[in-house]
């Protein structure tokens, strides 16, 4: 059974003819020895179907690029949201480990406290203190840049898909939140939880 199927239409075919791909080109990522677009085992330039360049892109190369992109995106998103979060909304504050200015007022003792305040939280608070009000400006600038890359026409075409994804992510988010809460209560540190989440998404 051929498991190296087009990720858009599940066809074993290569080249043009995919009814669902944005570029109408079949796209395969499962075989590390073949080009994702034309199925050739050749390397370098010469792919007749790559819509972005003439280079052959092997499955393992694409997966590595995706892994790196996802890793960076998750890290950036986490950093932005964490820096924008008021200290009074942090678990460390709610557990009275730090005060409203972020200064530590007690040493974490329980598993829950240790999970809520570790090196990551201490580092984030230090950055927040250094940046001050510039954090909101930085986040706004990054968000505006990301949004400007999508045209109005693209927004309208992707609206329905976006809404479906939003519902699905909302469901996943609730399940993930409960899983994280259970992990905290078990004494697993925030750093470990974040790494496990990123690893699970990438895999």
N, C-alpha and C. Protein backbone atom coordinates (compact mmCIF):
# COMPACT_ATOMS: atom_id res chain seq x y z
N UNK A 1 0.85 -1.20 0.00
CA UNK A 1 0.00 0.00 0.00
C UNK A 1 0.88 1.24 0.00
N UNK A 2 0.59 2.18 -0.90
CA UNK A 2 1.37 3.41 -1.00
C UNK A 2 0.89 4.41 0.04
N UNK A 3 1.74 4.68 1.01
CA UNK A 3 1.37 5.61 2.08
C UNK A 3 1.81 7.03 1.78
N UNK A 4 2.63 7.21 0.72
CA UNK A 4 3.11 8.54 0.38
C UNK A 4 2.08 9.22 -0.52
N UNK A 5 1.00 9.71 0.09
CA UNK A 5 -0.11 10.29 -0.65
C UNK A 5 -0.09 11.81 -0.56
N UNK A 6 -0.74 12.46 -1.51
CA UNK A 6 -0.86 13.91 -1.51
C UNK A 6 -1.58 14.35 -0.24
N UNK A 7 -1.03 15.33 0.44
CA UNK A 7 -1.63 15.75 1.71
C UNK A 7 -2.96 16.48 1.52
N UNK A 8 -3.24 16.92 0.29
CA UNK A 8 -4.47 17.65 0.03
C UNK A 8 -5.61 16.74 -0.44
N UNK A 9 -5.32 15.83 -1.39
CA UNK A 9 -6.38 15.01 -1.97
C UNK A 9 -6.21 13.50 -1.74
N UNK A 10 -5.11 13.10 -1.09
CA UNK A 10 -4.83 11.70 -0.78
C UNK A 10 -4.58 10.84 -2.03
N UNK A 11 -4.22 11.47 -3.13
CA UNK A 11 -3.90 10.74 -4.35
C UNK A 11 -2.43 10.34 -4.36
N UNK A 12 -2.09 9.20 -4.98
CA UNK A 12 -0.68 8.80 -5.09
C UNK A 12 0.02 9.52 -6.25
N UNK A 13 -0.73 10.31 -7.03
CA UNK A 13 -0.18 10.98 -8.20
C UNK A 13 0.74 12.14 -7.82
N UNK A 14 1.69 12.44 -8.72
CA UNK A 14 2.57 13.60 -8.56
C UNK A 14 2.27 14.59 -9.68
N UNK A 15 2.75 15.83 -9.51
CA UNK A 15 2.58 16.83 -10.55
C UNK A 15 1.25 17.56 -10.45
N UNK A 16 0.82 18.15 -11.56
CA UNK A 16 -0.41 18.93 -11.57
C UNK A 16 -1.65 18.04 -11.56
N UNK A 17 -2.77 18.64 -11.14
CA UNK A 17 -4.02 17.90 -11.16
C UNK A 17 -4.69 17.75 -9.81
N UNK A 18 -4.08 18.30 -8.74
CA UNK A 18 -4.72 18.21 -7.42
C UNK A 18 -5.87 19.21 -7.34
N UNK A 19 -7.07 18.74 -7.02
CA UNK A 19 -8.23 19.64 -6.99
C UNK A 19 -8.29 20.53 -5.75
N UNK A 20 -7.49 20.23 -4.75
CA UNK A 20 -7.59 20.97 -3.50
C UNK A 20 -6.36 21.80 -3.14
N UNK A 21 -5.24 21.50 -3.76
CA UNK A 21 -4.03 22.26 -3.48
C UNK A 21 -4.15 23.68 -4.00
N UNK A 22 -3.70 24.70 -3.27
CA UNK A 22 -3.77 26.09 -3.74
C UNK A 22 -3.05 26.29 -5.07
N UNK A 23 -1.97 25.51 -5.28
CA UNK A 23 -1.20 25.63 -6.53
C UNK A 23 -1.63 24.60 -7.57
N UNK A 24 -2.61 23.75 -7.22
CA UNK A 24 -3.11 22.67 -8.10
C UNK A 24 -2.04 21.60 -8.36
N UNK A 25 -1.01 21.58 -7.53
CA UNK A 25 0.05 20.58 -7.65
C UNK A 25 -0.02 19.62 -6.46
N UNK A 26 0.04 18.32 -6.75
CA UNK A 26 0.03 17.33 -5.67
C UNK A 26 1.26 17.55 -4.78
N UNK A 27 1.08 17.30 -3.49
CA UNK A 27 2.17 17.57 -2.55
C UNK A 27 2.31 16.40 -1.58
N UNK A 28 3.47 15.70 -1.63
CA UNK A 28 3.74 14.52 -0.81
C UNK A 28 4.90 14.81 0.14
N UNK A 29 4.75 14.44 1.40
CA UNK A 29 5.82 14.74 2.37
C UNK A 29 6.32 13.51 3.12
N UNK A 30 5.78 12.34 2.83
CA UNK A 30 6.09 11.15 3.63
C UNK A 30 7.39 10.45 3.25
N UNK A 31 7.83 10.60 1.99
CA UNK A 31 9.02 9.88 1.53
C UNK A 31 10.24 10.80 1.58
N UNK A 32 11.22 10.49 2.44
CA UNK A 32 12.40 11.35 2.57
C UNK A 32 13.34 11.27 1.37
N UNK A 33 13.10 10.31 0.45
CA UNK A 33 13.99 10.13 -0.69
C UNK A 33 13.44 10.73 -1.98
N UNK A 34 12.20 11.18 -1.97
CA UNK A 34 11.58 11.70 -3.17
C UNK A 34 11.18 13.16 -3.02
N UNK A 35 11.19 13.88 -4.15
CA UNK A 35 10.76 15.27 -4.17
C UNK A 35 9.27 15.34 -3.84
N UNK A 36 8.88 16.28 -3.02
CA UNK A 36 7.48 16.43 -2.60
C UNK A 36 6.56 16.76 -3.77
N UNK A 37 7.10 17.39 -4.81
CA UNK A 37 6.28 17.88 -5.92
C UNK A 37 6.25 16.95 -7.13
N UNK A 38 7.42 16.39 -7.52
CA UNK A 38 7.47 15.59 -8.74
C UNK A 38 7.78 14.11 -8.51
N UNK A 39 8.18 13.74 -7.30
CA UNK A 39 8.45 12.35 -6.99
C UNK A 39 9.83 11.87 -7.43
N UNK A 40 10.65 12.78 -7.93
CA UNK A 40 11.99 12.40 -8.39
C UNK A 40 12.94 12.18 -7.21
N UNK A 41 13.91 11.28 -7.41
CA UNK A 41 14.92 11.05 -6.38
C UNK A 41 16.11 11.98 -6.58
N UNK A 42 16.05 12.80 -7.62
CA UNK A 42 17.14 13.73 -7.92
C UNK A 42 17.20 14.84 -6.86
N UNK A 43 18.36 15.48 -6.76
CA UNK A 43 18.54 16.60 -5.85
C UNK A 43 18.91 17.85 -6.64
N UNK A 44 18.83 19.00 -5.99
CA UNK A 44 19.19 20.25 -6.66
C UNK A 44 18.05 20.79 -7.51
N UNK A 45 18.40 21.55 -8.56
CA UNK A 45 17.40 22.14 -9.43
C UNK A 45 16.89 21.14 -10.46
N UNK A 46 15.72 21.47 -11.03
CA UNK A 46 15.19 20.61 -12.07
C UNK A 46 13.77 20.12 -11.85
N UNK A 47 13.14 20.52 -10.74
CA UNK A 47 11.76 20.08 -10.49
C UNK A 47 10.81 20.85 -11.41
N UNK A 48 10.01 20.15 -12.20
CA UNK A 48 9.09 20.84 -13.13
C UNK A 48 7.79 21.29 -12.50
N UNK A 49 7.53 20.89 -11.25
CA UNK A 49 6.23 21.19 -10.63
C UNK A 49 6.30 22.04 -9.37
N UNK A 50 7.48 22.27 -8.83
CA UNK A 50 7.60 23.12 -7.64
C UNK A 50 7.10 24.51 -7.99
N UNK A 51 5.99 24.97 -7.37
CA UNK A 51 5.41 26.28 -7.74
C UNK A 51 6.20 27.47 -7.21
N UNK A 52 7.16 27.22 -6.35
CA UNK A 52 7.92 28.31 -5.73
C UNK A 52 9.31 28.49 -6.30
N UNK A 53 9.90 27.43 -6.80
CA UNK A 53 11.22 27.48 -7.40
C UNK A 53 11.41 26.23 -8.26
N UNK A 54 12.60 26.03 -8.77
CA UNK A 54 12.88 24.84 -9.57
C UNK A 54 13.60 23.76 -8.78
N UNK A 55 13.70 23.96 -7.49
CA UNK A 55 14.46 23.04 -6.65
C UNK A 55 13.61 21.83 -6.24
N UNK A 56 14.25 20.67 -6.20
CA UNK A 56 13.61 19.48 -5.65
C UNK A 56 13.62 19.61 -4.13
N UNK A 57 12.49 19.33 -3.49
CA UNK A 57 12.38 19.39 -2.04
C UNK A 57 11.97 18.02 -1.54
N UNK A 58 12.87 17.36 -0.82
CA UNK A 58 12.57 16.01 -0.32
C UNK A 58 11.65 16.09 0.90
N UNK A 59 10.94 15.01 1.15
CA UNK A 59 10.00 14.99 2.27
C UNK A 59 10.64 15.32 3.59
N UNK A 60 11.83 14.74 3.84
CA UNK A 60 12.49 14.96 5.12
C UNK A 60 12.94 16.41 5.27
N UNK A 61 13.28 17.07 4.14
CA UNK A 61 13.67 18.47 4.19
C UNK A 61 12.47 19.34 4.51
N UNK A 62 11.33 19.03 3.89
CA UNK A 62 10.12 19.81 4.16
C UNK A 62 9.69 19.66 5.60
N UNK A 63 9.72 18.41 6.10
CA UNK A 63 9.32 18.17 7.49
C UNK A 63 10.23 18.91 8.46
N UNK A 64 11.52 18.99 8.14
CA UNK A 64 12.45 19.71 9.00
C UNK A 64 12.14 21.20 9.00
N UNK A 65 11.79 21.74 7.81
CA UNK A 65 11.45 23.15 7.71
C UNK A 65 10.18 23.45 8.50
N UNK A 66 9.19 22.56 8.37
CA UNK A 66 7.94 22.74 9.10
C UNK A 66 8.19 22.69 10.60
N UNK A 67 9.02 21.72 11.02
CA UNK A 67 9.32 21.58 12.44
C UNK A 67 9.96 22.86 12.98
N UNK A 68 10.91 23.40 12.23
CA UNK A 68 11.58 24.62 12.67
C UNK A 68 10.62 25.80 12.70
N UNK A 69 9.77 25.89 11.67
CA UNK A 69 8.81 26.99 11.60
C UNK A 69 7.81 26.92 12.74
N UNK A 70 7.27 25.72 13.00
CA UNK A 70 6.30 25.55 14.08
C UNK A 70 6.94 25.87 15.43
N UNK A 71 8.15 25.38 15.62
CA UNK A 71 8.86 25.60 16.87
C UNK A 71 9.04 27.10 17.12
N UNK A 72 9.48 27.82 16.08
CA UNK A 72 9.69 29.26 16.22
C UNK A 72 8.38 30.00 16.44
N UNK A 73 7.33 29.58 15.72
CA UNK A 73 6.04 30.25 15.84
C UNK A 73 5.45 30.08 17.24
N UNK A 74 5.53 28.85 17.76
CA UNK A 74 5.00 28.58 19.09
C UNK A 74 5.79 29.35 20.14
N UNK A 75 7.12 29.35 19.99
CA UNK A 75 7.96 30.06 20.95
C UNK A 75 7.66 31.55 20.93
N UNK A 76 7.55 32.13 19.71
CA UNK A 76 7.26 33.56 19.60
C UNK A 76 5.88 33.88 20.16
N UNK A 77 4.89 33.04 19.82
CA UNK A 77 3.54 33.28 20.33
C UNK A 77 3.48 33.20 21.85
N UNK A 78 4.16 32.21 22.41
CA UNK A 78 4.19 32.06 23.86
C UNK A 78 4.87 33.26 24.51
N UNK A 79 5.99 33.69 23.92
CA UNK A 79 6.73 34.81 24.47
C UNK A 79 5.90 36.09 24.44
N UNK A 80 5.24 36.34 23.30
CA UNK A 80 4.42 37.54 23.16
C UNK A 80 3.27 37.56 24.16
N UNK A 81 2.56 36.43 24.25
CA UNK A 81 1.41 36.37 25.16
C UNK A 81 1.83 36.44 26.61
N UNK A 82 2.96 35.82 26.93
CA UNK A 82 3.44 35.83 28.32
C UNK A 82 3.90 37.22 28.73
N UNK A 83 4.57 37.92 27.83
CA UNK A 83 5.04 39.27 28.14
C UNK A 83 3.87 40.24 28.26
N UNK A 84 2.82 40.00 27.49
CA UNK A 84 1.65 40.89 27.53
C UNK A 84 0.77 40.62 28.75
N UNK A 85 0.92 39.46 29.36
CA UNK A 85 0.09 39.09 30.51
C UNK A 85 0.48 39.92 31.75
N UNK A 86 -0.48 40.56 32.39
CA UNK A 86 -0.19 41.29 33.63
C UNK A 86 0.32 40.32 34.70
N UNK A 87 1.22 40.79 35.52
CA UNK A 87 1.77 39.94 36.58
C UNK A 87 0.66 39.43 37.49
N UNK A 88 -0.37 40.25 37.69
CA UNK A 88 -1.48 39.84 38.57
C UNK A 88 -2.30 38.69 38.01
N UNK A 89 -2.09 38.35 36.71
CA UNK A 89 -2.80 37.22 36.11
C UNK A 89 -1.95 35.95 36.14
N UNK A 90 -0.70 36.07 36.54
CA UNK A 90 0.19 34.92 36.58
C UNK A 90 -0.13 34.02 37.77
N UNK A 91 0.07 32.73 37.57
CA UNK A 91 -0.19 31.78 38.66
C UNK A 91 0.71 32.06 39.86
N UNK A 92 1.92 32.53 39.59
CA UNK A 92 2.85 32.82 40.68
C UNK A 92 2.31 33.92 41.59
N UNK A 93 1.61 34.88 41.01
CA UNK A 93 1.02 35.96 41.81
C UNK A 93 -0.19 35.43 42.59
N UNK A 94 -1.02 34.63 41.91
CA UNK A 94 -2.22 34.10 42.56
C UNK A 94 -1.88 33.19 43.74
N UNK A 95 -0.70 32.56 43.64
CA UNK A 95 -0.25 31.69 44.74
C UNK A 95 0.60 32.46 45.75
N UNK A 96 0.69 33.78 45.55
CA UNK A 96 1.41 34.68 46.47
C UNK A 96 2.90 34.37 46.56
N UNK A 97 3.45 33.99 45.40
CA UNK A 97 4.89 33.76 45.34
C UNK A 97 5.60 35.06 44.98
N UNK A 98 4.94 35.87 44.14
CA UNK A 98 5.46 37.19 43.78
C UNK A 98 4.39 38.24 44.07
N UNK A 99 4.83 39.49 44.25
CA UNK A 99 3.86 40.56 44.46
C UNK A 99 3.47 41.18 43.12
N UNK A 100 2.68 42.27 43.16
CA UNK A 100 2.17 42.86 41.92
C UNK A 100 3.26 43.44 41.02
N UNK A 101 4.43 43.70 41.57
CA UNK A 101 5.52 44.21 40.75
C UNK A 101 6.41 43.09 40.21
N UNK A 102 6.12 41.84 40.61
CA UNK A 102 6.88 40.70 40.13
C UNK A 102 8.01 40.27 41.05
N UNK A 103 8.17 40.97 42.16
CA UNK A 103 9.24 40.62 43.10
C UNK A 103 8.85 39.38 43.90
N UNK A 104 9.77 38.44 44.01
CA UNK A 104 9.47 37.22 44.75
C UNK A 104 9.38 37.52 46.24
N UNK A 105 8.29 37.04 46.86
CA UNK A 105 8.09 37.29 48.28
C UNK A 105 8.11 36.00 49.10
N UNK A 106 8.19 34.87 48.42
CA UNK A 106 8.33 33.60 49.13
C UNK A 106 8.98 32.57 48.22
N UNK A 107 9.59 31.59 48.81
CA UNK A 107 10.22 30.51 48.05
C UNK A 107 9.17 29.42 47.78
N UNK A 108 9.01 29.02 46.51
CA UNK A 108 8.05 27.96 46.19
C UNK A 108 8.38 26.68 46.97
N UNK A 109 7.36 26.09 47.56
CA UNK A 109 7.57 24.88 48.37
C UNK A 109 6.79 23.69 47.84
N UNK A 110 5.50 23.90 47.56
CA UNK A 110 4.67 22.79 47.09
C UNK A 110 4.93 22.53 45.60
N UNK A 111 4.46 21.38 45.12
CA UNK A 111 4.61 21.05 43.71
C UNK A 111 3.90 22.08 42.82
N UNK A 112 2.74 22.54 43.27
CA UNK A 112 1.98 23.52 42.50
C UNK A 112 2.74 24.84 42.42
N UNK A 113 3.35 25.25 43.52
CA UNK A 113 4.12 26.50 43.54
C UNK A 113 5.36 26.40 42.68
N UNK A 114 6.03 25.27 42.74
CA UNK A 114 7.24 25.08 41.93
C UNK A 114 6.91 25.05 40.44
N UNK A 115 5.73 24.53 40.11
CA UNK A 115 5.31 24.49 38.71
C UNK A 115 4.95 25.89 38.21
N UNK A 116 4.43 26.72 39.12
CA UNK A 116 3.99 28.07 38.75
C UNK A 116 5.12 29.08 38.69
N UNK A 117 6.22 28.80 39.38
CA UNK A 117 7.32 29.77 39.40
C UNK A 117 8.66 29.04 39.30
N UNK A 118 9.26 29.14 38.12
CA UNK A 118 10.56 28.53 37.88
C UNK A 118 11.44 29.49 37.12
N UNK A 119 12.51 29.01 36.52
CA UNK A 119 13.43 29.87 35.76
C UNK A 119 12.75 30.63 34.62
N UNK A 120 11.79 29.97 33.96
CA UNK A 120 11.09 30.63 32.84
C UNK A 120 10.31 31.84 33.32
N UNK A 121 9.53 31.68 34.39
CA UNK A 121 8.74 32.79 34.92
C UNK A 121 9.63 33.91 35.44
N UNK A 122 10.70 33.54 36.11
CA UNK A 122 11.63 34.55 36.62
C UNK A 122 12.25 35.35 35.48
N UNK A 123 12.60 34.65 34.39
CA UNK A 123 13.19 35.30 33.23
C UNK A 123 12.18 36.24 32.56
N UNK A 124 10.93 35.79 32.42
CA UNK A 124 9.90 36.61 31.79
C UNK A 124 9.62 37.88 32.60
N UNK A 125 9.57 37.74 33.89
CA UNK A 125 9.33 38.91 34.75
C UNK A 125 10.46 39.91 34.61
N UNK A 126 11.69 39.41 34.53
CA UNK A 126 12.85 40.30 34.35
C UNK A 126 12.75 41.07 33.03
N UNK A 127 12.34 40.36 31.96
CA UNK A 127 12.18 41.02 30.66
C UNK A 127 11.08 42.07 30.74
N UNK A 128 9.97 41.74 31.40
CA UNK A 128 8.85 42.67 31.54
C UNK A 128 9.31 43.95 32.24
N UNK A 129 10.14 43.79 33.26
CA UNK A 129 10.64 44.95 33.99
C UNK A 129 11.52 45.82 33.10
N UNK A 130 12.32 45.18 32.25
CA UNK A 130 13.24 45.93 31.37
C UNK A 130 12.49 46.67 30.26
N UNK A 131 11.47 46.02 29.70
CA UNK A 131 10.75 46.61 28.58
C UNK A 131 9.67 47.59 29.01
N UNK A 132 9.07 47.33 30.14
CA UNK A 132 8.02 48.22 30.63
C UNK A 132 6.86 48.34 29.66
N UNK A 133 6.44 49.58 29.36
CA UNK A 133 5.30 49.83 28.48
C UNK A 133 5.60 49.54 27.02
N UNK A 134 6.86 49.30 26.68
CA UNK A 134 7.21 49.01 25.29
C UNK A 134 6.66 47.66 24.83
N UNK A 135 6.28 46.80 25.78
CA UNK A 135 5.78 45.47 25.43
C UNK A 135 4.54 45.55 24.56
N UNK A 136 3.57 46.40 24.94
CA UNK A 136 2.33 46.53 24.17
C UNK A 136 2.63 47.03 22.76
N UNK A 137 3.56 47.97 22.66
CA UNK A 137 3.91 48.52 21.35
C UNK A 137 4.55 47.45 20.46
N UNK A 138 5.40 46.63 21.04
CA UNK A 138 6.06 45.55 20.29
C UNK A 138 5.04 44.54 19.82
N UNK A 139 4.14 44.12 20.71
CA UNK A 139 3.12 43.14 20.34
C UNK A 139 2.21 43.67 19.24
N UNK A 140 1.82 44.94 19.35
CA UNK A 140 0.94 45.55 18.34
C UNK A 140 1.64 45.60 16.99
N UNK A 141 2.90 45.94 17.00
CA UNK A 141 3.68 46.03 15.76
C UNK A 141 3.78 44.68 15.08
N UNK A 142 4.06 43.63 15.86
CA UNK A 142 4.18 42.28 15.30
C UNK A 142 2.85 41.81 14.75
N UNK A 143 1.76 42.04 15.49
CA UNK A 143 0.44 41.60 15.05
C UNK A 143 0.01 42.31 13.76
N UNK A 144 0.30 43.62 13.67
CA UNK A 144 -0.04 44.38 12.46
C UNK A 144 0.73 43.85 11.26
N UNK A 145 1.98 43.50 11.48
CA UNK A 145 2.81 42.97 10.39
C UNK A 145 2.26 41.64 9.89
N UNK A 146 1.86 40.78 10.82
CA UNK A 146 1.33 39.47 10.45
C UNK A 146 0.01 39.62 9.70
N UNK A 147 -0.86 40.52 10.17
CA UNK A 147 -2.16 40.70 9.55
C UNK A 147 -2.04 41.32 8.17
N UNK A 148 -1.05 42.21 7.96
CA UNK A 148 -0.90 42.89 6.68
C UNK A 148 -0.47 41.95 5.57
N UNK A 149 0.02 40.76 5.93
CA UNK A 149 0.48 39.81 4.92
C UNK A 149 -0.68 39.07 4.26
N UNK A 150 -1.89 39.21 4.79
CA UNK A 150 -3.06 38.55 4.22
C UNK A 150 -3.99 39.60 3.63
N UNK A 151 -4.33 39.48 2.35
CA UNK A 151 -5.18 40.46 1.68
C UNK A 151 -6.64 40.27 2.07
N UNK A 152 -7.45 41.28 1.74
CA UNK A 152 -8.87 41.22 2.04
C UNK A 152 -9.53 40.08 1.28
N UNK A 153 -9.11 39.87 0.04
CA UNK A 153 -9.67 38.79 -0.77
C UNK A 153 -9.38 37.43 -0.15
N UNK A 154 -8.15 37.27 0.36
CA UNK A 154 -7.78 36.02 1.01
C UNK A 154 -8.58 35.81 2.28
N UNK A 155 -8.83 36.90 3.01
CA UNK A 155 -9.62 36.80 4.24
C UNK A 155 -11.02 36.26 3.93
N UNK A 156 -11.65 36.79 2.88
CA UNK A 156 -13.01 36.37 2.56
C UNK A 156 -13.06 34.90 2.13
N UNK A 157 -12.05 34.47 1.36
CA UNK A 157 -12.01 33.09 0.89
C UNK A 157 -11.75 32.10 2.03
N UNK A 158 -10.99 32.56 3.01
CA UNK A 158 -10.61 31.65 4.10
C UNK A 158 -11.53 31.77 5.32
N UNK A 159 -12.56 32.62 5.24
CA UNK A 159 -13.39 32.89 6.41
C UNK A 159 -14.04 31.63 6.98
N UNK A 160 -14.69 30.86 6.11
CA UNK A 160 -15.38 29.66 6.59
C UNK A 160 -14.42 28.66 7.20
N UNK A 161 -13.29 28.45 6.53
CA UNK A 161 -12.29 27.53 7.06
C UNK A 161 -11.74 28.03 8.39
N UNK A 162 -11.57 29.34 8.48
CA UNK A 162 -11.05 29.94 9.72
C UNK A 162 -12.00 29.72 10.87
N UNK A 163 -13.29 29.89 10.61
CA UNK A 163 -14.29 29.70 11.66
C UNK A 163 -14.33 28.25 12.15
N UNK A 164 -14.21 27.32 11.18
CA UNK A 164 -14.18 25.90 11.55
C UNK A 164 -12.95 25.58 12.38
N UNK A 165 -11.82 26.15 11.97
CA UNK A 165 -10.60 25.94 12.74
C UNK A 165 -10.70 26.54 14.13
N UNK A 166 -11.33 27.69 14.21
CA UNK A 166 -11.49 28.36 15.51
C UNK A 166 -12.27 27.48 16.47
N UNK A 167 -13.36 26.89 15.97
CA UNK A 167 -14.16 26.00 16.82
C UNK A 167 -13.35 24.78 17.27
N UNK A 168 -12.58 24.23 16.32
CA UNK A 168 -11.78 23.06 16.64
C UNK A 168 -10.68 23.40 17.64
N UNK A 169 -10.01 24.54 17.43
CA UNK A 169 -8.96 24.95 18.36
C UNK A 169 -9.52 25.27 19.74
N UNK A 170 -10.75 25.81 19.77
CA UNK A 170 -11.39 26.10 21.05
C UNK A 170 -11.59 24.81 21.84
N UNK A 171 -12.06 23.78 21.13
CA UNK A 171 -12.27 22.48 21.78
C UNK A 171 -10.94 21.91 22.28
N UNK A 172 -9.94 21.95 21.39
CA UNK A 172 -8.63 21.43 21.76
C UNK A 172 -8.04 22.23 22.92
N UNK A 173 -8.26 23.55 22.88
CA UNK A 173 -7.74 24.42 23.94
C UNK A 173 -8.30 24.06 25.31
N UNK A 174 -9.61 23.76 25.35
CA UNK A 174 -10.23 23.38 26.63
C UNK A 174 -9.61 22.09 27.16
N UNK A 175 -9.43 21.12 26.26
CA UNK A 175 -8.85 19.84 26.67
C UNK A 175 -7.40 20.03 27.11
N UNK A 176 -6.67 20.85 26.35
CA UNK A 176 -5.26 21.10 26.69
C UNK A 176 -5.15 21.80 28.03
N UNK A 177 -6.04 22.78 28.26
CA UNK A 177 -6.01 23.52 29.52
C UNK A 177 -6.22 22.59 30.71
N UNK A 178 -7.18 21.67 30.57
CA UNK A 178 -7.44 20.74 31.66
C UNK A 178 -6.26 19.81 31.88
N UNK A 179 -5.62 19.40 30.78
CA UNK A 179 -4.44 18.54 30.88
C UNK A 179 -3.30 19.26 31.59
N UNK A 180 -3.12 20.54 31.26
CA UNK A 180 -2.06 21.34 31.90
C UNK A 180 -2.33 21.52 33.38
N UNK A 181 -3.59 21.77 33.73
CA UNK A 181 -3.97 21.92 35.15
C UNK A 181 -3.65 20.64 35.91
N UNK A 182 -4.00 19.51 35.33
CA UNK A 182 -3.72 18.22 35.97
C UNK A 182 -2.22 18.00 36.13
N UNK A 183 -1.46 18.43 35.12
CA UNK A 183 0.00 18.29 35.17
C UNK A 183 0.59 19.16 36.27
N UNK A 184 0.09 20.40 36.38
CA UNK A 184 0.54 21.30 37.44
C UNK A 184 0.31 20.66 38.81
N UNK A 185 -0.88 20.11 38.99
CA UNK A 185 -1.25 19.53 40.27
C UNK A 185 -0.40 18.30 40.59
N UNK A 186 0.15 17.68 39.55
CA UNK A 186 1.03 16.53 39.75
C UNK A 186 2.47 16.94 40.03
N UNK A 187 2.73 18.26 39.93
CA UNK A 187 4.06 18.76 40.24
C UNK A 187 4.99 18.86 39.06
N UNK A 188 4.48 18.70 37.84
CA UNK A 188 5.32 18.82 36.65
C UNK A 188 5.56 20.30 36.37
N UNK A 189 6.80 20.68 36.15
CA UNK A 189 7.14 22.09 35.98
C UNK A 189 6.60 22.64 34.67
N UNK A 190 6.46 23.95 34.63
CA UNK A 190 5.94 24.61 33.44
C UNK A 190 6.87 24.40 32.25
N UNK A 191 8.17 24.43 32.48
CA UNK A 191 9.15 24.23 31.40
C UNK A 191 8.95 22.87 30.73
N UNK A 192 8.76 21.85 31.56
CA UNK A 192 8.58 20.50 31.03
C UNK A 192 7.27 20.40 30.26
N UNK A 193 6.21 21.01 30.79
CA UNK A 193 4.90 20.98 30.13
C UNK A 193 4.98 21.65 28.76
N UNK A 194 5.63 22.82 28.70
CA UNK A 194 5.74 23.55 27.44
C UNK A 194 6.52 22.74 26.41
N UNK A 195 7.60 22.10 26.85
CA UNK A 195 8.42 21.29 25.92
C UNK A 195 7.60 20.12 25.39
N UNK A 196 6.83 19.48 26.26
CA UNK A 196 6.02 18.34 25.84
C UNK A 196 4.95 18.77 24.84
N UNK A 197 4.36 19.95 25.06
CA UNK A 197 3.34 20.46 24.13
C UNK A 197 3.94 20.71 22.76
N UNK A 198 5.10 21.39 22.73
CA UNK A 198 5.76 21.69 21.46
C UNK A 198 6.16 20.41 20.75
N UNK A 199 6.73 19.46 21.49
CA UNK A 199 7.16 18.19 20.89
C UNK A 199 5.99 17.42 20.30
N UNK A 200 4.85 17.44 21.02
CA UNK A 200 3.68 16.70 20.54
C UNK A 200 3.10 17.31 19.27
N UNK A 201 3.15 18.64 19.16
CA UNK A 201 2.64 19.31 17.97
C UNK A 201 3.53 19.03 16.78
N UNK A 202 4.84 19.11 17.01
CA UNK A 202 5.81 18.89 15.92
C UNK A 202 5.74 17.47 15.41
N UNK A 203 5.61 16.51 16.32
CA UNK A 203 5.57 15.10 15.92
C UNK A 203 4.27 14.76 15.23
